[in-house]
C-alpha atoms as a PDB file:
ATOM      1  CA  MET A   1      -0.025  -0.527  11.040  1.00  0.00           C
ATOM      2  CA  SER A   2      -0.178  -3.751  12.953  1.00  0.00           C
ATOM      3  CA  LYS A   3       2.236  -5.020  15.563  1.00  0.00           C
ATOM      4  CA  GLN A   4       3.403  -8.600  15.270  1.00  0.00           C
ATOM      5  CA  LYS A   5       5.421 -10.823  17.600  1.00  0.00           C
ATOM      6  CA  GLY A   6       8.802 -11.910  16.427  1.00  0.00           C
ATOM      7  CA  PRO A   7      12.032 -10.412  15.186  1.00  0.00           C
ATOM      8  CA  PRO A   8      12.051  -7.517  12.797  1.00  0.00           C
ATOM      9  CA  GLY A   9      12.609  -8.459   9.197  1.00  0.00           C
ATOM     10  CA  ARG A  10      13.064  -6.378   6.120  1.00  0.00           C
ATOM     11  CA  GLY A  11      10.570  -3.543   6.260  1.00  0.00           C
ATOM     12  CA  ARG A  12       9.872  -3.811  10.004  1.00  0.00           C
ATOM     13  CA  ILE A  13      10.653  -1.695  13.055  1.00  0.00           C
ATOM     14  CA  ALA A  14      11.659  -3.503  16.266  1.00  0.00           C
ATOM     15  CA  PHE A  15      10.272  -2.451  19.660  1.00  0.00           C
ATOM     16  CA  MET A  16      11.611  -3.096  23.161  1.00  0.00           C
ATOM     17  CA  ASP A  17       8.697  -5.428  23.963  1.00  0.00           C
ATOM     18  CA  GLY A  18       9.755  -7.850  21.226  1.00  0.00           C
ATOM     19  CA  THR A  19       7.082  -6.850  18.740  1.00  0.00           C
ATOM     20  CA  ALA A  20       7.707  -5.593  15.248  1.00  0.00           C
ATOM     21  CA  GLU A  21       5.629  -3.222  13.163  1.00  0.00           C
ATOM     22  CA  LYS A  22       5.465  -2.951   9.373  1.00  0.00           C
ATOM     23  CA  LEU A  23       6.808   0.267   7.917  1.00  0.00           C
ATOM     24  CA  PRO A  24       4.218   2.359   6.096  1.00  0.00           C
ATOM     25  CA  LYS A  25       4.787   2.378   2.334  1.00  0.00           C
ATOM     26  CA  ASP A  26       3.446   4.796  -0.287  1.00  0.00           C
ATOM     27  CA  VAL A  27       1.260   6.464   2.306  1.00  0.00           C
ATOM     28  CA  ALA A  28       0.493   9.929   3.659  1.00  0.00           C
ATOM     29  CA  ILE A  29      -0.410  10.043   7.358  1.00  0.00           C
ATOM     30  CA  LEU A  30      -2.136  13.292   8.335  1.00  0.00           C
ATOM     31  CA  CYS A  31      -3.498  14.693  11.563  1.00  0.00           C
ATOM     32  CA  GLY A  32      -5.341  17.984  12.067  1.00  0.00           C
ATOM     33  CA  TYR A  33      -5.621  19.867  15.364  1.00  0.00           C
ATOM     34  CA  ASN A  34      -7.742  22.710  16.697  1.00  0.00           C
ATOM     35  CA  ALA A  35      -6.369  25.703  18.609  1.00  0.00           C
ATOM     36  CA  GLU A  36      -6.590  23.770  21.907  1.00  0.00           C
ATOM     37  CA  GLY A  37      -4.485  20.912  20.492  1.00  0.00           C
ATOM     38  CA  ALA A  38      -7.322  18.384  20.197  1.00  0.00           C
ATOM     39  CA  VAL A  39      -7.332  16.091  17.143  1.00  0.00           C
ATOM     40  CA  VAL A  40     -10.159  17.082  14.796  1.00  0.00           C
ATOM     41  CA  TYR A  41      -9.046  15.193  11.678  1.00  0.00           C
ATOM     42  CA  SER A  42      -6.964  12.079  11.079  1.00  0.00           C
ATOM     43  CA  VAL A  43      -6.443  10.078   7.896  1.00  0.00           C
ATOM     44  CA  SER A  44      -4.032   7.717   6.216  1.00  0.00           C
ATOM     45  CA  LEU A  45      -4.084   7.983   2.411  1.00  0.00           C
ATOM     46  CA  ASP A  46      -2.349   6.283  -0.452  1.00  0.00           C
ATOM     47  CA  ARG A  47       0.299   8.758  -1.602  1.00  0.00           C
ATOM     48  CA  SER A  48      -1.235   8.981  -5.083  1.00  0.00           C
ATOM     49  CA  ASP A  49      -4.567  10.021  -3.501  1.00  0.00           C
ATOM     50  CA  TYR A  50      -2.738  12.593  -1.385  1.00  0.00           C
ATOM     51  CA  TRP A  51      -1.233  14.280  -4.452  1.00  0.00           C
ATOM     52  CA  ASP A  52      -4.171  13.897  -6.828  1.00  0.00           C
ATOM     53  CA  GLY A  53      -7.316  14.004  -4.719  1.00  0.00           C
ATOM     54  CA  GLU A  54      -9.651  16.715  -3.458  1.00  0.00           C
ATOM     55  CA  HIS A  55      -9.153  17.059   0.279  1.00  0.00           C
ATOM     56  CA  LEU A  56     -10.738  18.583   3.330  1.00  0.00           C
ATOM     57  CA  TRP A  57      -7.818  21.013   3.721  1.00  0.00           C
ATOM     58  CA  ASP A  58      -8.507  22.380   0.223  1.00  0.00           C
ATOM     59  CA  SER A  59     -11.695  24.045   1.521  1.00  0.00           C
ATOM     60  CA  TYR A  60     -11.663  27.063   3.836  1.00  0.00           C
ATOM     61  CA  ASP A  61     -15.238  26.241   4.867  1.00  0.00           C
ATOM     62  CA  GLN A  62     -14.379  22.685   5.929  1.00  0.00           C
ATOM     63  CA  ILE A  63     -11.297  23.826   7.838  1.00  0.00           C
ATOM     64  CA  ARG A  64     -13.355  26.490   9.625  1.00  0.00           C
ATOM     65  CA  MET A  65     -16.168  24.029  10.357  1.00  0.00           C
ATOM     66  CA  LEU A  66     -13.693  21.653  12.058  1.00  0.00           C
ATOM     67  CA  GLY A  67     -11.869  24.494  13.780  1.00  0.00           C
ATOM     68  CA  MET A  68      -8.619  23.098  12.378  1.00  0.00           C
ATOM     69  CA  THR A  69      -5.664  25.420  12.881  1.00  0.00           C
ATOM     70  CA  LYS A  70      -2.827  22.950  12.236  1.00  0.00           C
ATOM     71  CA  LEU A  71      -2.307  19.987   9.899  1.00  0.00           C
ATOM     72  CA  VAL A  72       0.778  17.805  10.307  1.00  0.00           C
ATOM     73  CA  GLY A  73       1.767  15.086   7.906  1.00  0.00           C
ATOM     74  CA  LYS A  74       4.329  12.446   7.116  1.00  0.00           C
ATOM     75  CA  LEU A  75       4.791  11.095   3.593  1.00  0.00           C
ATOM     76  CA  TYR A  76       6.421   7.702   3.120  1.00  0.00           C
ATOM     77  CA  ASP A  77       7.853   6.463  -0.172  1.00  0.00           C
ATOM     78  CA  SER A  78       7.555   2.997  -1.735  1.00  0.00           C
ATOM     79  CA  ASP A  79      10.465   1.724   0.395  1.00  0.00           C
ATOM     80  CA  GLY A  80       8.832   2.887   3.622  1.00  0.00           C
ATOM     81  CA  MET A  81      11.302   5.742   4.048  1.00  0.00           C
ATOM     82  CA  LEU A  82      10.072   9.083   5.334  1.00  0.00           C
ATOM     83  CA  SER A  83      10.272  11.397   2.329  1.00  0.00           C
ATOM     84  CA  GLU A  84       8.644  14.504   3.798  1.00  0.00           C
ATOM     85  CA  GLN A  85       7.358  15.866   7.091  1.00  0.00           C
ATOM     86  CA  PHE A  86       5.262  19.008   7.070  1.00  0.00           C
ATOM     87  CA  GLU A  87       3.098  21.306   9.139  1.00  0.00           C
ATOM     88  CA  SER A  88       0.509  23.724   7.784  1.00  0.00           C
ATOM     89  CA  ALA A  89      -1.124  26.528   9.778  1.00  0.00           C
ATOM     90  CA  TYR A  90      -4.635  27.847   9.139  1.00  0.00           C
ATOM     91  CA  SER A  91      -6.461  30.952  10.306  1.00  0.00           C
ATOM     92  CA  PRO A  92      -9.019  30.039  12.984  1.00  0.00           C
ATOM     93  CA  VAL A  93     -11.276  32.800  11.659  1.00  0.00           C
ATOM     94  CA  SER A  94     -11.162  32.350   7.870  1.00  0.00           C
ATOM     95  CA  GLY A  95      -9.731  28.835   7.452  1.00  0.00           C
ATOM     96  CA  GLU A  96      -7.128  30.212   5.038  1.00  0.00           C
ATOM     97  CA  LEU A  97      -3.617  28.755   4.874  1.00  0.00           C
ATOM     98  CA  ILE A  98      -1.352  31.199   6.750  1.00  0.00           C
ATOM     99  CA  GLY A  99       1.917  29.288   6.694  1.00  0.00           C
ATOM    100  CA  GLY A 100       3.693  26.040   6.209  1.00  0.00           C
ATOM    101  CA  LYS A 101       6.983  24.285   6.727  1.00  0.00           C
ATOM    102  CA  ALA A 102       8.407  21.061   5.353  1.00  0.00           C
ATOM    103  CA  THR A 103      11.514  18.952   5.805  1.00  0.00           C
ATOM    104  CA  TYR A 104      12.532  16.486   3.103  1.00  0.00           C
ATOM    105  CA  ALA A 105      14.478  13.210   3.135  1.00  0.00           C
ATOM    106  CA  ASP A 106      17.597  14.927   1.785  1.00  0.00           C
ATOM    107  CA  GLY A 107      17.636  17.266   4.806  1.00  0.00           C
ATOM    108  CA  THR A 108      16.473  20.361   2.953  1.00  0.00           C
ATOM    109  CA  SER A 109      13.571  22.350   4.289  1.00  0.00           C
ATOM    110  CA  GLN A 110      11.364  25.264   3.378  1.00  0.00           C
ATOM    111  CA  ALA A 111       8.977  27.537   5.224  1.00  0.00           C
ATOM    112  CA  PHE A 112       6.556  30.335   4.376  1.00  0.00           C
ATOM    113  CA  GLY A 113       4.039  32.593   6.079  1.00  0.00           C
ATOM    114  CA  VAL A 114       3.962  32.328   9.885  1.00  0.00           C
ATOM    115  CA  PHE A 115       6.872  29.846   9.774  1.00  0.00           C
ATOM    116  CA  ALA A 116       9.174  32.037   7.663  1.00  0.00           C
ATOM    117  CA  GLU A 117      12.252  33.549   9.310  1.00  0.00           C
ATOM    118  CA  ASN A 118      10.962  37.056   8.667  1.00  0.00           C
ATOM    119  CA  PRO A 119       7.169  36.771   8.292  1.00  0.00           C
ATOM    120  CA  PRO A 120       5.390  39.799   6.816  1.00  0.00           C
END
């Protein structure tokens, strides 16, 4: 996203310093962290690639190799509206998915594994 001088127009966010930034559209913005909270993975994908592609987080070996224990993401629709925010948790030992939680544009949410109200 690039900041531009001038007033916000349709599809822009205004900032206190007088700049405006385009809203992301049809994009998934993802960031992975290790157990110490350092960023180990960061990507912005077209939403169609997010849903249809093969990804780093689909492989236990790649997750383990990066030491990624958390992946957070924001999915924006074609109007630039946030349609979903999520967080996934991975085992630092095996790289397996151990939980996840998501909140959707309509206010509903879901959680499983380590994020569930009564985890196993």
